[in-house]
Amino acid sequence: MNFLNKELDSIIKRVKEVDHGFKEMVEVAQEFHKKLSSSELFSLAKKLFQSDSYQAQMTATLMIGYLAPASSSALSFLKEKVSKNDNWRVQEMLAKAFDFYAASIGYEKAIPIIKEWLGDKTPNVRRAVTEGLRIWTSRSYFKQHPEIAIELLSKLKKDESEYVRKSVGNALRDISRKHKEIIQKEITTWDLTNKNIKQVYQLASKFL
C-alpha cells in the first residue's frame, strides 16, 4: 500500500490550493476511478477523507460516490461518515455523490434508498437527496413522474432543519417552473400556521 501513500500526498498537493469550484476535484476523482481497482480506490479515498484539507475531503467524497453504485460499504460510508463532516463544501460533494449513485442505478430503482435517506435522523443525509437530485424533474423517471418528486420532497416541508427546509423549498420552486398546477395543488393543502411549513411554502410558491 506504499504506492497509495504516494498517491495520497500527490492528490492533496494537487487539490489543496483550489479556492473556488470543484472541477479539479472531479478530474482527480475520475482519474483515479479509472486508474485503480475498487478496493484500492476505497482505501485511498478513506485515507484522503482523513486529511485536514477540505479539498481532499471533497475529492474523497466524489471517489467514494463513484464506488457507491456497486458497493454498499461505499454508500454506507457516505451516509454514516461523510454526512458528519462539518464543512459545507464537503456536503455539496455528498449531494453530488448521492445523485451519481441514484443516476447510475436508475432513479426509479433508487427510490427505496431515496426514501431511506430522506427519513434519516441526520440533516445532511436528508439534504444530500433534496439538493443532490435538483432539478428533480430534469432527472429521468421524475421527468415523467413529477408528482412523485413533489410527494417525496413535500414530506420534509416541516423538517426541523432550516438547512433542509431551504433545500426542499428551492427544489419545489425549481419544479414549479414547468409544473405550476401540481405544485399549487400540493401547497394549498399545507398548514401555514406552522412556521417551518410556511418557510418552505414561501420558497416553493415564488414563481406561482
Protein backbone atom coordinates (compact mmCIF):
# COMPACT_ATOMS: atom_id res chain seq x y z
CA MET A 1 0.00 0.00 0.00
CA ASN A 2 3.03 2.32 -0.09
CA PHE A 3 2.12 3.43 -3.58
CA LEU A 4 -1.27 4.59 -2.23
CA ASN A 5 0.50 6.79 0.30
CA LYS A 6 2.45 8.38 -2.54
CA GLU A 7 -0.78 8.94 -4.46
CA LEU A 8 -2.32 10.40 -1.32
CA ASP A 9 0.38 13.04 -0.98
CA SER A 10 0.19 13.83 -4.68
CA ILE A 11 -3.59 14.36 -4.59
CA ILE A 12 -3.50 16.56 -1.50
CA LYS A 13 -0.86 18.80 -3.10
CA ARG A 14 -2.90 18.93 -6.29
CA VAL A 15 -6.21 20.00 -4.77
CA LYS A 16 -5.40 21.86 -1.57
CA GLU A 17 -4.85 25.20 -3.30
CA VAL A 18 -8.25 25.17 -5.03
CA ASP A 19 -10.31 28.01 -3.57
CA HIS A 20 -13.34 28.07 -5.87
CA GLY A 21 -15.34 25.43 -7.67
CA PHE A 22 -14.72 21.71 -7.79
CA LYS A 23 -13.54 20.98 -11.34
CA GLU A 24 -10.10 19.83 -10.17
CA MET A 25 -11.64 17.51 -7.58
CA VAL A 26 -13.87 15.91 -10.20
CA GLU A 27 -10.94 15.42 -12.56
CA VAL A 28 -8.83 13.80 -9.84
CA ALA A 29 -11.66 11.53 -8.70
CA GLN A 30 -12.39 10.41 -12.26
CA GLU A 31 -8.71 9.85 -12.99
CA PHE A 32 -8.21 7.56 -10.03
CA HIS A 33 -11.54 5.83 -10.56
CA LYS A 34 -10.18 4.69 -13.92
CA LYS A 35 -6.67 4.02 -12.65
CA LEU A 36 -7.26 1.93 -9.52
CA SER A 37 -9.22 -1.15 -8.58
CA SER A 38 -12.34 -0.60 -6.49
CA SER A 39 -10.64 -1.82 -3.30
CA GLU A 40 -7.60 0.38 -3.93
CA LEU A 41 -9.75 3.42 -4.65
CA PHE A 42 -11.82 2.87 -1.50
CA SER A 43 -8.66 2.55 0.63
CA LEU A 44 -7.18 5.67 -0.92
CA ALA A 45 -10.42 7.65 -0.53
CA LYS A 46 -10.83 6.73 3.14
CA LYS A 47 -7.27 7.89 3.85
CA LEU A 48 -7.86 11.03 1.83
CA PHE A 49 -11.02 11.76 3.80
CA GLN A 50 -8.97 11.83 7.00
CA SER A 51 -6.92 14.75 5.67
CA ASP A 52 -7.27 18.18 7.29
CA SER A 53 -7.78 19.63 3.81
CA TYR A 54 -11.45 20.10 2.97
CA GLN A 55 -10.47 19.97 -0.72
CA ALA A 56 -9.05 16.49 -0.14
CA GLN A 57 -12.21 15.51 1.74
CA MET A 58 -14.31 16.75 -1.19
CA THR A 59 -12.23 14.67 -3.60
CA ALA A 60 -12.53 11.61 -1.37
CA THR A 61 -16.30 12.03 -1.22
CA LEU A 62 -16.54 12.00 -5.00
CA MET A 63 -14.30 8.93 -5.24
CA ILE A 64 -16.50 7.06 -2.79
CA GLY A 65 -19.58 8.26 -4.67
CA TYR A 66 -18.22 6.64 -7.82
CA LEU A 67 -17.94 3.35 -5.93
CA ALA A 68 -21.37 3.54 -4.26
CA PRO A 69 -23.50 2.08 -7.12
CA ALA A 70 -21.64 -1.23 -6.80
CA SER A 71 -20.65 -1.08 -3.13
CA SER A 72 -22.97 -0.98 -0.13
CA SER A 73 -19.90 -0.23 2.02
CA ALA A 74 -19.16 2.89 0.00
CA LEU A 75 -22.79 4.01 0.19
CA SER A 76 -22.78 3.45 3.94
CA PHE A 77 -19.56 5.45 4.28
CA LEU A 78 -21.23 8.39 2.54
CA LYS A 79 -24.24 8.15 4.82
CA GLU A 80 -22.53 7.44 8.12
CA LYS A 81 -19.19 9.24 7.81
CA VAL A 82 -19.31 11.95 5.17
CA SER A 83 -22.62 13.33 6.44
CA LYS A 84 -20.97 14.08 9.79
CA ASN A 85 -18.36 16.37 8.23
CA ASP A 86 -18.96 19.99 9.25
CA ASN A 87 -17.68 21.65 6.06
CA TRP A 88 -20.50 22.81 3.77
CA ARG A 89 -18.34 22.22 0.69
CA VAL A 90 -17.98 18.56 1.59
CA GLN A 91 -21.75 18.38 1.98
CA GLU A 92 -22.14 19.75 -1.55
CA MET A 93 -19.98 16.87 -2.74
CA LEU A 94 -22.09 14.44 -0.74
CA ALA A 95 -25.14 15.68 -2.65
CA LYS A 96 -23.32 15.18 -5.96
CA ALA A 97 -22.16 11.74 -4.88
CA PHE A 98 -25.69 10.69 -3.99
CA ASP A 99 -27.02 11.91 -7.33
CA PHE A 100 -24.29 9.94 -9.11
CA TYR A 101 -25.37 6.85 -7.19
CA ALA A 102 -29.07 7.33 -8.00
CA ALA A 103 -28.42 8.12 -11.66
CA SER A 104 -26.12 5.12 -12.04
CA ILE A 105 -28.56 2.54 -10.73
CA GLY A 106 -31.60 4.39 -12.13
CA TYR A 107 -33.76 6.87 -10.21
CA GLU A 108 -36.77 4.57 -10.07
CA LYS A 109 -34.68 1.71 -8.70
CA ALA A 110 -33.11 4.15 -6.22
CA ILE A 111 -36.44 5.21 -4.69
CA PRO A 112 -36.16 2.89 -1.65
CA ILE A 113 -32.73 4.38 -0.84
CA ILE A 114 -34.01 7.88 -1.59
CA LYS A 115 -36.80 7.32 0.94
CA GLU A 116 -34.39 5.83 3.47
CA TRP A 117 -32.06 8.81 3.25
CA LEU A 118 -34.94 11.31 3.33
CA GLY A 119 -36.05 9.69 6.59
CA ASP A 120 -32.63 9.64 8.20
CA LYS A 121 -32.06 11.41 11.52
CA THR A 122 -29.04 13.32 10.21
CA PRO A 123 -29.97 16.56 8.38
CA ASN A 124 -27.02 16.32 5.99
CA VAL A 125 -28.20 12.90 4.84
CA ARG A 126 -31.68 14.24 4.08
CA ARG A 127 -30.28 17.28 2.32
CA ALA A 128 -27.92 15.18 0.21
CA VAL A 129 -31.04 13.85 -1.51
CA THR A 130 -33.13 17.02 -1.69
CA GLU A 131 -30.18 19.03 -3.02
CA GLY A 132 -28.41 16.31 -4.99
CA LEU A 133 -31.36 15.50 -7.22
CA ARG A 134 -32.07 19.14 -8.16
CA ILE A 135 -33.54 19.85 -10.58
CA TRP A 136 -35.57 16.77 -9.69
CA THR A 137 -37.82 16.84 -12.74
CA SER A 138 -34.87 17.11 -15.10
CA ARG A 139 -33.82 13.67 -13.89
CA SER A 140 -35.06 10.61 -15.75
CA TYR A 141 -38.12 8.96 -14.17
CA PHE A 142 -39.00 12.09 -12.20
CA LYS A 143 -39.25 13.92 -15.51
CA GLN A 144 -42.09 11.55 -16.39
CA HIS A 145 -43.43 11.43 -12.82
CA PRO A 146 -43.17 14.94 -11.32
CA GLU A 147 -45.91 14.13 -8.83
CA ILE A 148 -43.66 11.53 -7.18
CA ALA A 149 -40.81 14.03 -6.84
CA ILE A 150 -43.23 16.54 -5.30
CA GLU A 151 -44.64 13.95 -2.91
CA LEU A 152 -41.18 12.90 -1.72
CA LEU A 153 -40.00 16.46 -1.20
CA SER A 154 -43.20 17.63 0.46
CA LYS A 155 -42.82 15.10 3.24
CA LEU A 156 -39.96 17.26 4.52
CA LYS A 157 -41.92 20.52 4.49
CA LYS A 158 -41.79 20.82 8.28
CA ASP A 159 -38.30 19.43 8.70
CA GLU A 160 -36.59 20.52 11.93
CA SER A 161 -33.52 21.66 9.99
CA GLU A 162 -33.65 25.03 8.26
CA TYR A 163 -30.80 23.80 6.05
CA VAL A 164 -33.05 21.01 4.78
CA ARG A 165 -36.18 23.17 4.55
CA LYS A 166 -34.45 25.69 2.32
CA SER A 167 -33.30 22.90 0.03
CA VAL A 168 -36.82 21.45 -0.10
CA GLY A 169 -38.42 24.81 -0.82
CA ASN A 170 -35.92 25.63 -3.53
CA ALA A 171 -36.32 22.18 -5.10
CA LEU A 172 -40.10 22.60 -5.23
CA ARG A 173 -39.63 26.11 -6.65
CA ASP A 174 -37.48 24.60 -9.42
CA ILE A 175 -40.21 22.12 -10.27
CA SER A 176 -42.88 24.84 -10.31
CA ARG A 177 -41.35 26.40 -13.43
CA LYS A 178 -42.78 23.57 -15.54
CA HIS A 179 -45.37 22.07 -13.21
CA LYS A 180 -47.18 25.00 -11.63
CA GLU A 181 -50.53 23.26 -11.30
CA ILE A 182 -49.16 20.23 -9.45
CA ILE A 183 -47.14 22.38 -7.06
CA GLN A 184 -50.12 24.68 -6.48
CA LYS A 185 -52.37 21.72 -5.75
CA GLU A 186 -49.87 20.38 -3.22
CA ILE A 187 -49.06 23.55 -1.31
CA THR A 188 -52.67 24.72 -0.98
CA THR A 189 -53.18 21.80 1.44
CA TRP A 190 -50.40 22.93 3.78
CA ASP A 191 -50.93 24.28 7.27
CA LEU A 192 -49.31 27.70 7.10
CA THR A 193 -49.75 28.31 10.83
CA ASN A 194 -46.68 26.08 11.20
CA LYS A 195 -43.69 28.42 10.77
CA ASN A 196 -41.48 25.71 9.30
CA ILE A 197 -44.05 24.82 6.67
CA LYS A 198 -44.64 28.49 5.93
CA GLN A 199 -40.95 28.99 5.21
CA VAL A 200 -40.96 26.15 2.68
CA TYR A 201 -44.23 27.47 1.21
CA GLN A 202 -42.74 30.91 0.63
CA LEU A 203 -39.81 29.43 -1.26
CA ALA A 204 -41.88 26.92 -3.21
CA SER A 205 -44.50 29.47 -4.30
CA LYS A 206 -42.07 32.12 -5.55
CA PHE A 207 -42.91 31.62 -9.22
CA LEU A 208 -46.61 30.82 -8.85
